[in-house]
Amino acid sequence: MSRTSSSMSRRAFVATGLAALGFTAACGNGIGNTNDTKIDARVDATLSQMYAQHPGTRDLASKAAGVLIIPVVTEAGFIVGAGYGRGALRINGATVDYYESLKGNAGLQIGAQQYAQVLFFMTDAALARFRRSSGWTAGADLEYVVKDEGNSLTADTNTLTAPVIAAVFGQAGLRIGATLEGTKYTRIIP
């Protein structure tokens, strides 16, 4: 096979992966739903599910300065992958802003998955940094209390003193692992 046809094959695979993401994402993560009422209804349902499956998260939410809830994040990839979701930031139980999460990555990967994610901002300073930023990116220092394969709340002294704590749950799909590292959150107007 010539170098030109090999290069074309790789481009076709990347284009196919991105097209799959677009199709998968349109199937239920809020893309195209610009109605804030729909986002808030999904946020309410996600919180109910999380509290039922992981009761300890209710206590975390009550102690948090703010909670960002992304009801459905859709990720797909074939060599190059991406993920997208929409949700709401709540302070004292009331929605104050809407956000989108966007993630891109490259490497050996194939498949698609959907999951819910909730970020607990445990300090006023962490919440203020998040709200002031033009695009906040989750880093490797993020602490998890519920992660994709975990079925129980795992909060210890180190976790509870972290400024931002994440819960990732409800994973469905054919892709291994769900992490938030490298995910960018940007305020949107629904």
N, C-alpha and C. Protein backbone atom coordinates (compact mmCIF):
# COMPACT_ATOMS: atom_id res chain seq x y z
N MET A 1 0.84 -1.16 0.00
CA MET A 1 0.00 0.00 0.00
C MET A 1 0.89 1.24 0.00
N SER A 2 0.54 2.21 -0.78
CA SER A 2 1.35 3.42 -0.90
C SER A 2 1.16 4.31 0.33
N ARG A 3 2.08 5.24 0.51
CA ARG A 3 2.02 6.16 1.63
C ARG A 3 0.76 7.02 1.55
N THR A 4 0.36 7.42 0.35
CA THR A 4 -0.82 8.26 0.17
C THR A 4 -2.09 7.52 0.59
N SER A 5 -2.24 6.28 0.17
CA SER A 5 -3.45 5.55 0.53
C SER A 5 -3.47 5.21 2.02
N SER A 6 -2.30 4.98 2.63
CA SER A 6 -2.23 4.74 4.07
C SER A 6 -2.66 5.98 4.84
N SER A 7 -2.21 7.14 4.38
CA SER A 7 -2.58 8.40 5.00
C SER A 7 -4.08 8.65 4.85
N MET A 8 -4.63 8.32 3.71
CA MET A 8 -6.07 8.48 3.47
C MET A 8 -6.86 7.54 4.38
N SER A 9 -6.37 6.33 4.59
CA SER A 9 -7.05 5.38 5.46
C SER A 9 -7.12 5.90 6.89
N ARG A 10 -6.02 6.45 7.38
CA ARG A 10 -6.02 7.01 8.73
C ARG A 10 -7.00 8.16 8.84
N ARG A 11 -7.03 9.01 7.85
CA ARG A 11 -7.99 10.14 7.87
C ARG A 11 -9.42 9.62 7.86
N ALA A 12 -9.68 8.59 7.10
CA ALA A 12 -11.03 8.02 7.05
C ALA A 12 -11.42 7.44 8.41
N PHE A 13 -10.47 6.76 9.08
CA PHE A 13 -10.75 6.21 10.40
C PHE A 13 -11.04 7.33 11.40
N VAL A 14 -10.25 8.38 11.39
CA VAL A 14 -10.47 9.51 12.30
C VAL A 14 -11.82 10.15 12.01
N ALA A 15 -12.13 10.37 10.75
CA ALA A 15 -13.41 10.97 10.38
C ALA A 15 -14.57 10.09 10.83
N THR A 16 -14.43 8.78 10.70
CA THR A 16 -15.47 7.86 11.13
C THR A 16 -15.66 7.94 12.64
N GLY A 17 -14.56 8.00 13.39
CA GLY A 17 -14.65 8.11 14.85
C GLY A 17 -15.34 9.38 15.28
N LEU A 18 -15.00 10.49 14.65
CA LEU A 18 -15.64 11.76 14.99
C LEU A 18 -17.11 11.78 14.59
N ALA A 19 -17.43 11.17 13.47
CA ALA A 19 -18.83 11.08 13.05
C ALA A 19 -19.62 10.23 14.04
N ALA A 20 -19.01 9.14 14.52
CA ALA A 20 -19.68 8.29 15.51
C ALA A 20 -19.94 9.08 16.79
N LEU A 21 -18.98 9.90 17.20
CA LEU A 21 -19.18 10.73 18.38
C LEU A 21 -20.37 11.66 18.17
N GLY A 22 -20.42 12.30 17.04
CA GLY A 22 -21.52 13.22 16.76
C GLY A 22 -22.86 12.52 16.81
N PHE A 23 -22.94 11.34 16.22
CA PHE A 23 -24.18 10.57 16.22
C PHE A 23 -24.53 10.12 17.63
N THR A 24 -23.55 9.58 18.34
CA THR A 24 -23.79 9.08 19.69
C THR A 24 -24.17 10.22 20.61
N ALA A 25 -23.49 11.33 20.51
CA ALA A 25 -23.76 12.46 21.37
C ALA A 25 -25.17 13.00 21.16
N ALA A 26 -25.63 12.98 19.95
CA ALA A 26 -26.95 13.51 19.65
C ALA A 26 -28.06 12.62 20.20
N CYS A 27 -27.71 11.43 20.67
CA CYS A 27 -28.71 10.48 21.14
C CYS A 27 -29.15 10.70 22.58
N GLY A 28 -28.68 11.71 23.27
CA GLY A 28 -29.24 11.87 24.59
C GLY A 28 -28.42 12.63 25.61
N ASN A 29 -27.50 13.46 25.24
CA ASN A 29 -26.76 14.17 26.28
C ASN A 29 -27.07 15.66 26.29
N GLY A 30 -28.13 16.07 25.67
CA GLY A 30 -28.50 17.46 25.75
C GLY A 30 -28.03 18.28 24.57
N ILE A 31 -27.31 17.69 23.63
CA ILE A 31 -26.90 18.46 22.45
C ILE A 31 -28.15 18.82 21.68
N GLY A 32 -28.28 20.06 21.37
CA GLY A 32 -29.46 20.51 20.64
C GLY A 32 -30.60 20.90 21.57
N ASN A 33 -30.53 20.50 22.84
CA ASN A 33 -31.55 20.89 23.79
C ASN A 33 -31.11 22.19 24.47
N THR A 34 -31.57 23.29 23.95
CA THR A 34 -31.15 24.57 24.49
C THR A 34 -32.11 25.03 25.58
N ASN A 35 -33.04 24.19 25.94
CA ASN A 35 -34.04 24.55 26.92
C ASN A 35 -33.52 24.29 28.33
N ASP A 36 -33.40 25.35 29.14
CA ASP A 36 -32.88 25.19 30.49
C ASP A 36 -33.78 24.30 31.35
N THR A 37 -35.06 24.26 31.07
CA THR A 37 -35.99 23.40 31.81
C THR A 37 -35.63 21.93 31.63
N LYS A 38 -35.26 21.54 30.42
CA LYS A 38 -34.86 20.16 30.16
C LYS A 38 -33.57 19.82 30.87
N ILE A 39 -32.61 20.74 30.85
CA ILE A 39 -31.35 20.49 31.55
C ILE A 39 -31.61 20.34 33.04
N ASP A 40 -32.42 21.24 33.62
CA ASP A 40 -32.71 21.16 35.05
C ASP A 40 -33.44 19.87 35.41
N ALA A 41 -34.34 19.41 34.56
CA ALA A 41 -35.04 18.13 34.82
C ALA A 41 -34.05 16.97 34.82
N ARG A 42 -33.11 16.97 33.89
CA ARG A 42 -32.10 15.91 33.85
C ARG A 42 -31.18 15.98 35.06
N VAL A 43 -30.85 17.20 35.49
CA VAL A 43 -30.01 17.38 36.68
C VAL A 43 -30.73 16.81 37.90
N ASP A 44 -32.02 17.12 38.06
CA ASP A 44 -32.80 16.60 39.19
C ASP A 44 -32.81 15.07 39.18
N ALA A 45 -33.04 14.47 38.02
CA ALA A 45 -33.07 13.00 37.91
C ALA A 45 -31.70 12.40 38.24
N THR A 46 -30.63 13.05 37.80
CA THR A 46 -29.28 12.56 38.07
C THR A 46 -28.97 12.61 39.56
N LEU A 47 -29.33 13.71 40.21
CA LEU A 47 -29.10 13.81 41.66
C LEU A 47 -29.89 12.75 42.41
N SER A 48 -31.13 12.52 42.02
CA SER A 48 -31.95 11.48 42.66
C SER A 48 -31.30 10.11 42.52
N GLN A 49 -30.80 9.81 41.32
CA GLN A 49 -30.14 8.53 41.07
C GLN A 49 -28.87 8.41 41.91
N MET A 50 -28.07 9.46 41.94
CA MET A 50 -26.82 9.42 42.70
C MET A 50 -27.11 9.23 44.19
N TYR A 51 -28.07 9.98 44.74
CA TYR A 51 -28.38 9.86 46.16
C TYR A 51 -28.90 8.47 46.49
N ALA A 52 -29.67 7.86 45.58
CA ALA A 52 -30.20 6.52 45.82
C ALA A 52 -29.09 5.47 45.76
N GLN A 53 -28.18 5.58 44.79
CA GLN A 53 -27.12 4.59 44.62
C GLN A 53 -25.95 4.81 45.58
N HIS A 54 -25.69 6.06 45.91
CA HIS A 54 -24.54 6.42 46.75
C HIS A 54 -25.00 7.42 47.81
N PRO A 55 -25.69 6.94 48.85
CA PRO A 55 -26.30 7.85 49.85
C PRO A 55 -25.32 8.82 50.50
N GLY A 56 -24.06 8.45 50.61
CA GLY A 56 -23.07 9.34 51.22
C GLY A 56 -22.85 10.62 50.45
N THR A 57 -23.21 10.65 49.17
CA THR A 57 -23.03 11.86 48.38
C THR A 57 -23.99 12.97 48.81
N ARG A 58 -25.10 12.61 49.44
CA ARG A 58 -26.05 13.62 49.93
C ARG A 58 -25.36 14.51 50.98
N ASP A 59 -24.58 13.89 51.87
CA ASP A 59 -23.84 14.65 52.89
C ASP A 59 -22.80 15.56 52.24
N LEU A 60 -22.09 15.02 51.22
CA LEU A 60 -21.11 15.85 50.50
C LEU A 60 -21.79 17.07 49.89
N ALA A 61 -22.94 16.86 49.25
CA ALA A 61 -23.65 17.96 48.60
C ALA A 61 -24.06 19.02 49.62
N SER A 62 -24.48 18.58 50.80
CA SER A 62 -24.90 19.55 51.81
C SER A 62 -23.73 20.38 52.35
N LYS A 63 -22.51 19.84 52.29
CA LYS A 63 -21.32 20.54 52.77
C LYS A 63 -20.63 21.36 51.67
N ALA A 64 -20.97 21.11 50.42
CA ALA A 64 -20.30 21.76 49.29
C ALA A 64 -20.75 23.20 49.12
N ALA A 65 -19.82 24.04 48.67
CA ALA A 65 -20.15 25.43 48.35
C ALA A 65 -20.97 25.50 47.07
N GLY A 66 -20.78 24.53 46.19
CA GLY A 66 -21.52 24.44 44.93
C GLY A 66 -21.33 23.06 44.34
N VAL A 67 -22.28 22.67 43.48
CA VAL A 67 -22.24 21.34 42.87
C VAL A 67 -22.53 21.50 41.38
N LEU A 68 -21.63 20.97 40.54
CA LEU A 68 -21.84 20.96 39.09
C LEU A 68 -22.30 19.57 38.70
N ILE A 69 -23.46 19.48 38.06
CA ILE A 69 -24.03 18.20 37.68
C ILE A 69 -24.12 18.13 36.16
N ILE A 70 -23.44 17.15 35.55
CA ILE A 70 -23.53 16.90 34.11
C ILE A 70 -24.24 15.55 33.98
N PRO A 71 -25.55 15.54 33.67
CA PRO A 71 -26.32 14.30 33.68
C PRO A 71 -25.84 13.22 32.72
N VAL A 72 -25.44 13.61 31.52
CA VAL A 72 -24.99 12.61 30.55
C VAL A 72 -23.79 13.17 29.80
N VAL A 73 -22.66 12.48 29.93
CA VAL A 73 -21.48 12.78 29.12
C VAL A 73 -21.36 11.63 28.14
N THR A 74 -21.25 11.95 26.87
CA THR A 74 -21.09 10.94 25.84
C THR A 74 -19.66 11.02 25.33
N GLU A 75 -18.96 9.90 25.37
CA GLU A 75 -17.60 9.80 24.84
C GLU A 75 -17.59 8.74 23.75
N ALA A 76 -16.84 9.01 22.71
CA ALA A 76 -16.64 8.02 21.65
C ALA A 76 -15.26 8.24 21.06
N GLY A 77 -14.71 7.18 20.54
CA GLY A 77 -13.40 7.34 19.93
C GLY A 77 -12.95 6.13 19.15
N PHE A 78 -12.17 6.41 18.16
CA PHE A 78 -11.45 5.40 17.41
C PHE A 78 -10.11 6.06 17.11
N ILE A 79 -9.09 5.75 17.85
CA ILE A 79 -7.78 6.38 17.84
C ILE A 79 -7.90 7.78 18.45
N VAL A 80 -8.70 8.67 17.86
CA VAL A 80 -8.96 9.99 18.40
C VAL A 80 -10.35 9.94 19.03
N GLY A 81 -10.46 10.48 20.25
CA GLY A 81 -11.75 10.44 20.93
C GLY A 81 -12.14 11.80 21.45
N ALA A 82 -13.41 11.92 21.77
CA ALA A 82 -13.93 13.16 22.32
C ALA A 82 -15.14 12.85 23.19
N GLY A 83 -15.47 13.79 24.06
CA GLY A 83 -16.63 13.65 24.92
C GLY A 83 -17.31 14.99 25.10
N TYR A 84 -18.64 14.94 25.35
CA TYR A 84 -19.40 16.17 25.48
C TYR A 84 -20.61 15.94 26.39
N GLY A 85 -20.96 16.96 27.15
CA GLY A 85 -22.16 16.94 27.97
C GLY A 85 -22.53 18.34 28.41
N ARG A 86 -23.76 18.48 28.88
CA ARG A 86 -24.26 19.76 29.40
C ARG A 86 -24.87 19.55 30.76
N GLY A 87 -24.77 20.58 31.61
CA GLY A 87 -25.36 20.46 32.93
C GLY A 87 -25.50 21.80 33.60
N ALA A 88 -25.70 21.75 34.93
CA ALA A 88 -25.98 22.97 35.68
C ALA A 88 -25.13 23.03 36.94
N LEU A 89 -24.78 24.25 37.31
CA LEU A 89 -24.10 24.52 38.57
C LEU A 89 -25.17 24.97 39.56
N ARG A 90 -25.20 24.29 40.70
CA ARG A 90 -26.17 24.64 41.73
C ARG A 90 -25.46 25.08 42.99
N ILE A 91 -25.99 26.15 43.57
CA ILE A 91 -25.52 26.66 44.85
C ILE A 91 -26.73 26.72 45.77
N ASN A 92 -26.61 26.09 46.93
CA ASN A 92 -27.74 26.00 47.86
C ASN A 92 -28.99 25.42 47.20
N GLY A 93 -28.79 24.46 46.30
CA GLY A 93 -29.91 23.77 45.66
C GLY A 93 -30.53 24.49 44.47
N ALA A 94 -30.08 25.69 44.16
CA ALA A 94 -30.66 26.47 43.06
C ALA A 94 -29.66 26.56 41.91
N THR A 95 -30.15 26.42 40.67
CA THR A 95 -29.31 26.54 39.49
C THR A 95 -28.90 28.00 39.32
N VAL A 96 -27.58 28.23 39.20
CA VAL A 96 -27.07 29.59 39.01
C VAL A 96 -26.44 29.78 37.63
N ASP A 97 -25.96 28.71 37.01
CA ASP A 97 -25.34 28.78 35.68
C ASP A 97 -25.45 27.42 35.00
N TYR A 98 -25.25 27.44 33.68
CA TYR A 98 -25.22 26.21 32.89
C TYR A 98 -23.83 26.07 32.28
N TYR A 99 -23.37 24.83 32.18
CA TYR A 99 -22.02 24.54 31.69
C TYR A 99 -22.04 23.40 30.70
N GLU A 100 -21.03 23.39 29.83
CA GLU A 100 -20.78 22.24 28.98
C GLU A 100 -19.43 21.68 29.36
N SER A 101 -19.29 20.37 29.20
CA SER A 101 -18.00 19.73 29.41
C SER A 101 -17.54 19.19 28.07
N LEU A 102 -16.26 19.38 27.78
CA LEU A 102 -15.68 18.96 26.52
C LEU A 102 -14.35 18.30 26.80
N LYS A 103 -14.16 17.13 26.20
CA LYS A 103 -12.94 16.37 26.43
C LYS A 103 -12.46 15.81 25.10
N GLY A 104 -11.16 15.86 24.88
CA GLY A 104 -10.57 15.26 23.68
C GLY A 104 -9.34 14.48 24.08
N ASN A 105 -9.06 13.40 23.36
CA ASN A 105 -7.87 12.61 23.65
C ASN A 105 -7.48 11.79 22.43
N ALA A 106 -6.27 11.29 22.46
CA ALA A 106 -5.76 10.46 21.37
C ALA A 106 -5.00 9.30 21.98
N GLY A 107 -4.98 8.20 21.28
CA GLY A 107 -4.28 7.02 21.75
C GLY A 107 -5.03 5.77 21.34
N LEU A 108 -4.61 4.64 21.86
CA LEU A 108 -5.23 3.38 21.51
C LEU A 108 -6.59 3.30 22.19
N GLN A 109 -7.67 3.46 21.44
CA GLN A 109 -9.01 3.44 21.99
C GLN A 109 -10.02 3.14 20.89
N ILE A 110 -11.11 2.55 21.28
CA ILE A 110 -12.22 2.31 20.38
C ILE A 110 -13.46 2.12 21.23
N GLY A 111 -14.57 2.65 20.80
CA GLY A 111 -15.83 2.44 21.51
C GLY A 111 -16.51 3.73 21.88
N ALA A 112 -17.61 3.58 22.63
CA ALA A 112 -18.41 4.72 23.07
C ALA A 112 -18.96 4.40 24.45
N GLN A 113 -19.22 5.43 25.24
CA GLN A 113 -19.81 5.25 26.55
C GLN A 113 -20.53 6.52 26.96
N GLN A 114 -21.42 6.35 27.92
CA GLN A 114 -22.10 7.49 28.53
C GLN A 114 -22.04 7.31 30.04
N TYR A 115 -21.96 8.42 30.76
CA TYR A 115 -21.93 8.37 32.21
C TYR A 115 -22.35 9.74 32.75
N ALA A 116 -22.67 9.77 34.03
CA ALA A 116 -23.00 11.02 34.71
C ALA A 116 -21.79 11.45 35.52
N GLN A 117 -21.64 12.75 35.69
CA GLN A 117 -20.56 13.25 36.53
C GLN A 117 -21.07 14.40 37.39
N VAL A 118 -20.59 14.42 38.61
CA VAL A 118 -20.96 15.47 39.56
C VAL A 118 -19.67 15.96 40.22
N LEU A 119 -19.45 17.26 40.21
CA LEU A 119 -18.30 17.87 40.87
C LEU A 119 -18.79 18.63 42.09
N PHE A 120 -18.21 18.32 43.25
CA PHE A 120 -18.53 18.99 44.50
C PHE A 120 -17.40 19.99 44.78
N PHE A 121 -17.72 21.27 44.80
CA PHE A 121 -16.74 22.31 45.13
C PHE A 121 -16.84 22.51 46.64
N MET A 122 -15.84 21.99 47.36
CA MET A 122 -15.92 21.92 48.81
C MET A 122 -15.49 23.20 49.52
N THR A 123 -14.89 24.13 48.79
CA THR A 123 -14.50 25.40 49.40
C THR A 123 -15.03 26.55 48.56
N ASP A 124 -15.25 27.68 49.22
CA ASP A 124 -15.69 28.87 48.50
C ASP A 124 -14.63 29.30 47.48
N ALA A 125 -13.35 29.15 47.84
CA ALA A 125 -12.26 29.54 46.94
C ALA A 125 -12.26 28.69 45.67
N ALA A 126 -12.45 27.38 45.81
CA ALA A 126 -12.48 26.50 44.63
C ALA A 126 -13.67 26.85 43.73
N LEU A 127 -14.81 27.11 44.34
CA LEU A 127 -15.99 27.49 43.56
C LEU A 127 -15.77 28.83 42.86
N ALA A 128 -15.18 29.79 43.55
CA ALA A 128 -14.91 31.11 42.95
C ALA A 128 -13.95 30.99 41.77
N ARG A 129 -12.88 30.18 41.92
CA ARG A 129 -11.94 29.98 40.80
C ARG A 129 -12.66 29.36 39.60
N PHE A 130 -13.51 28.39 39.85
CA PHE A 130 -14.26 27.75 38.78
C PHE A 130 -15.16 28.76 38.07
N ARG A 131 -15.90 29.55 38.81
CA ARG A 131 -16.85 30.49 38.22
C ARG A 131 -16.16 31.65 37.51
N ARG A 132 -14.97 32.07 37.96
CA ARG A 132 -14.25 33.17 37.34
C ARG A 132 -13.55 32.76 36.05
N SER A 133 -13.23 31.49 35.92
CA SER A 133 -12.44 31.05 34.77
C SER A 133 -13.26 31.10 33.50
N SER A 134 -12.58 31.34 32.40
CA SER A 134 -13.26 31.34 31.10
C SER A 134 -13.39 29.91 30.56
N GLY A 135 -12.72 28.99 31.18
CA GLY A 135 -12.77 27.58 30.80
C GLY A 135 -11.93 26.79 31.78
N TRP A 136 -12.56 26.21 32.79
CA TRP A 136 -11.87 25.49 33.85
C TRP A 136 -11.59 24.07 33.41
N THR A 137 -10.38 23.57 33.64
CA THR A 137 -10.01 22.22 33.24
C THR A 137 -9.74 21.36 34.47
N ALA A 138 -10.40 20.21 34.52
CA ALA A 138 -10.18 19.26 35.62
C ALA A 138 -8.79 18.67 35.49
N GLY A 139 -8.08 18.60 36.59
CA GLY A 139 -6.71 18.08 36.57
C GLY A 139 -6.59 16.76 37.31
N ALA A 140 -5.39 16.24 37.32
CA ALA A 140 -5.13 14.95 37.96
C ALA A 140 -5.27 15.03 39.47
N ASP A 141 -5.30 16.24 40.04
CA ASP A 141 -5.42 16.39 41.49
C ASP A 141 -6.86 16.28 41.97
N LEU A 142 -7.79 16.07 41.07
CA LEU A 142 -9.19 15.91 41.40
C LEU A 142 -9.36 14.63 42.21
N GLU A 143 -10.09 14.68 43.31
CA GLU A 143 -10.33 13.50 44.14
C GLU A 143 -11.66 12.88 43.75
N TYR A 144 -11.72 11.56 43.71
CA TYR A 144 -12.94 10.85 43.37
C TYR A 144 -13.54 10.19 44.60
N VAL A 145 -14.86 10.27 44.76
CA VAL A 145 -15.54 9.50 45.80
C VAL A 145 -16.27 8.33 45.17
N VAL A 146 -16.71 8.48 43.95
CA VAL A 146 -17.33 7.40 43.20
C VAL A 146 -16.71 7.46 41.82
N LYS A 147 -16.15 6.37 41.35
CA LYS A 147 -15.54 6.33 40.02
C LYS A 147 -16.21 5.23 39.22
N ASP A 148 -16.08 5.29 37.92
CA ASP A 148 -16.81 4.42 37.00
C ASP A 148 -16.99 2.98 37.46
N GLU A 149 -15.95 2.32 37.95
CA GLU A 149 -16.10 0.93 38.32
C GLU A 149 -16.44 0.75 39.81
N GLY A 150 -16.44 1.83 40.57
CA GLY A 150 -16.72 1.71 42.00
C GLY A 150 -18.21 1.74 42.28
N ASN A 151 -18.64 0.89 43.19
CA ASN A 151 -20.05 0.85 43.55
C ASN A 151 -20.33 1.43 44.92
N SER A 152 -19.30 1.88 45.62
CA SER A 152 -19.54 2.41 46.95
C SER A 152 -18.78 3.73 47.12
N LEU A 153 -19.28 4.51 48.05
CA LEU A 153 -18.66 5.78 48.35
C LEU A 153 -17.35 5.51 49.08
N THR A 154 -16.27 6.08 48.59
CA THR A 154 -14.97 5.88 49.23
C THR A 154 -14.43 7.25 49.63
N ALA A 155 -14.87 7.74 50.76
CA ALA A 155 -14.41 9.04 51.24
C ALA A 155 -13.54 8.81 52.47
N ASP A 156 -12.33 9.32 52.41
CA ASP A 156 -11.44 9.25 53.56
C ASP A 156 -11.03 10.67 53.93
N THR A 157 -10.16 10.79 54.91
CA THR A 157 -9.74 12.12 55.37
C THR A 157 -9.13 12.94 54.25
N ASN A 158 -8.30 12.33 53.40
CA ASN A 158 -7.69 13.06 52.29
C ASN A 158 -8.73 13.53 51.29
N THR A 159 -9.68 12.67 50.97
CA THR A 159 -10.73 13.01 50.00
C THR A 159 -11.56 14.18 50.51
N LEU A 160 -11.96 14.11 51.76
CA LEU A 160 -12.87 15.13 52.29
C LEU A 160 -12.23 16.50 52.46
N THR A 161 -10.90 16.58 52.41
CA THR A 161 -10.25 17.89 52.51
C THR A 161 -9.89 18.44 51.13
N ALA A 162 -10.18 17.70 50.07
CA ALA A 162 -9.88 18.16 48.71
C ALA A 162 -10.83 19.32 48.35
N PRO A 163 -10.32 20.30 47.60
CA PRO A 163 -11.18 21.43 47.22
C PRO A 163 -12.27 21.03 46.20
N VAL A 164 -11.99 20.03 45.36
CA VAL A 164 -12.98 19.56 44.38
C VAL A 164 -13.02 18.04 44.43
N ILE A 165 -14.23 17.51 44.60
CA ILE A 165 -14.43 16.07 44.67
C ILE A 165 -15.37 15.67 43.54
N ALA A 166 -15.08 14.56 42.87
CA ALA A 166 -15.88 14.13 41.72
C ALA A 166 -16.56 12.80 41.98
N ALA A 167 -17.75 12.67 41.42
CA ALA A 167 -18.46 11.39 41.38
C ALA A 167 -18.75 11.11 39.91
N VAL A 168 -18.33 9.94 39.43
CA VAL A 168 -18.60 9.49 38.06
C VAL A 168 -19.33 8.17 38.20
N PHE A 169 -20.57 8.09 37.68
CA PHE A 169 -21.36 6.89 37.90
C PHE A 169 -22.33 6.68 36.74
N GLY A 170 -23.01 5.55 36.77
CA GLY A 170 -24.01 5.24 35.75
C GLY A 170 -23.41 4.93 34.40
N GLN A 171 -22.19 4.43 34.38
CA GLN A 171 -21.50 4.20 33.10
C GLN A 171 -22.18 3.10 32.29
N ALA A 172 -22.39 3.39 31.03
CA ALA A 172 -22.93 2.42 30.09
C ALA A 172 -22.20 2.58 28.76
N GLY A 173 -21.87 1.49 28.14
CA GLY A 173 -21.21 1.55 26.85
C GLY A 173 -20.12 0.52 26.72
N LEU A 174 -19.40 0.61 25.63
CA LEU A 174 -18.38 -0.37 25.30
C LEU A 174 -16.99 0.23 25.29
N ARG A 175 -16.68 1.05 26.27
CA ARG A 175 -15.37 1.69 26.36
C ARG A 175 -14.91 1.60 27.79
N ILE A 176 -13.64 1.34 28.00
CA ILE A 176 -13.12 1.13 29.34
C ILE A 176 -12.68 2.45 29.95
N GLY A 177 -13.11 2.69 31.18
CA GLY A 177 -12.62 3.82 31.96
C GLY A 177 -13.35 5.12 31.68
N ALA A 178 -13.60 5.84 32.75
CA ALA A 178 -14.18 7.18 32.64
C ALA A 178 -13.45 8.06 33.64
N THR A 179 -12.67 8.99 33.15
CA THR A 179 -11.98 9.92 34.02
C THR A 179 -12.28 11.34 33.56
N LEU A 180 -12.05 12.29 34.44
CA LEU A 180 -12.35 13.68 34.11
C LEU A 180 -11.10 14.49 33.80
N GLU A 181 -9.91 13.89 34.00
CA GLU A 181 -8.69 14.64 33.72
C GLU A 181 -8.70 15.15 32.29
N GLY A 182 -8.40 16.43 32.14
CA GLY A 182 -8.35 17.02 30.80
C GLY A 182 -9.71 17.49 30.30
N THR A 183 -10.76 17.35 31.09
CA THR A 183 -12.08 17.81 30.68
C THR A 183 -12.17 19.31 30.95
N LYS A 184 -12.65 20.05 29.95
CA LYS A 184 -12.79 21.51 30.09
C LYS A 184 -14.26 21.85 30.28
N TYR A 185 -14.53 22.72 31.24
CA TYR A 185 -15.89 23.15 31.56
C TYR A 185 -16.02 24.62 31.20
N THR A 186 -17.05 24.96 30.43
CA THR A 186 -17.25 26.32 29.98
C THR A 186 -18.70 26.72 30.21
N ARG A 187 -18.90 27.92 30.74
CA ARG A 187 -20.25 28.43 30.96
C ARG A 187 -20.96 28.63 29.62
N ILE A 188 -22.23 28.26 29.58
CA ILE A 188 -23.04 28.43 28.37
C ILE A 188 -24.34 29.15 28.71
N ILE A 189 -25.00 29.65 27.70
CA ILE A 189 -26.33 30.21 27.85
C ILE A 189 -27.28 29.28 27.12
N PRO A 190 -28.15 28.59 27.86
CA PRO A 190 -29.04 27.60 27.20
C PRO A 190 -30.12 28.26 26.37
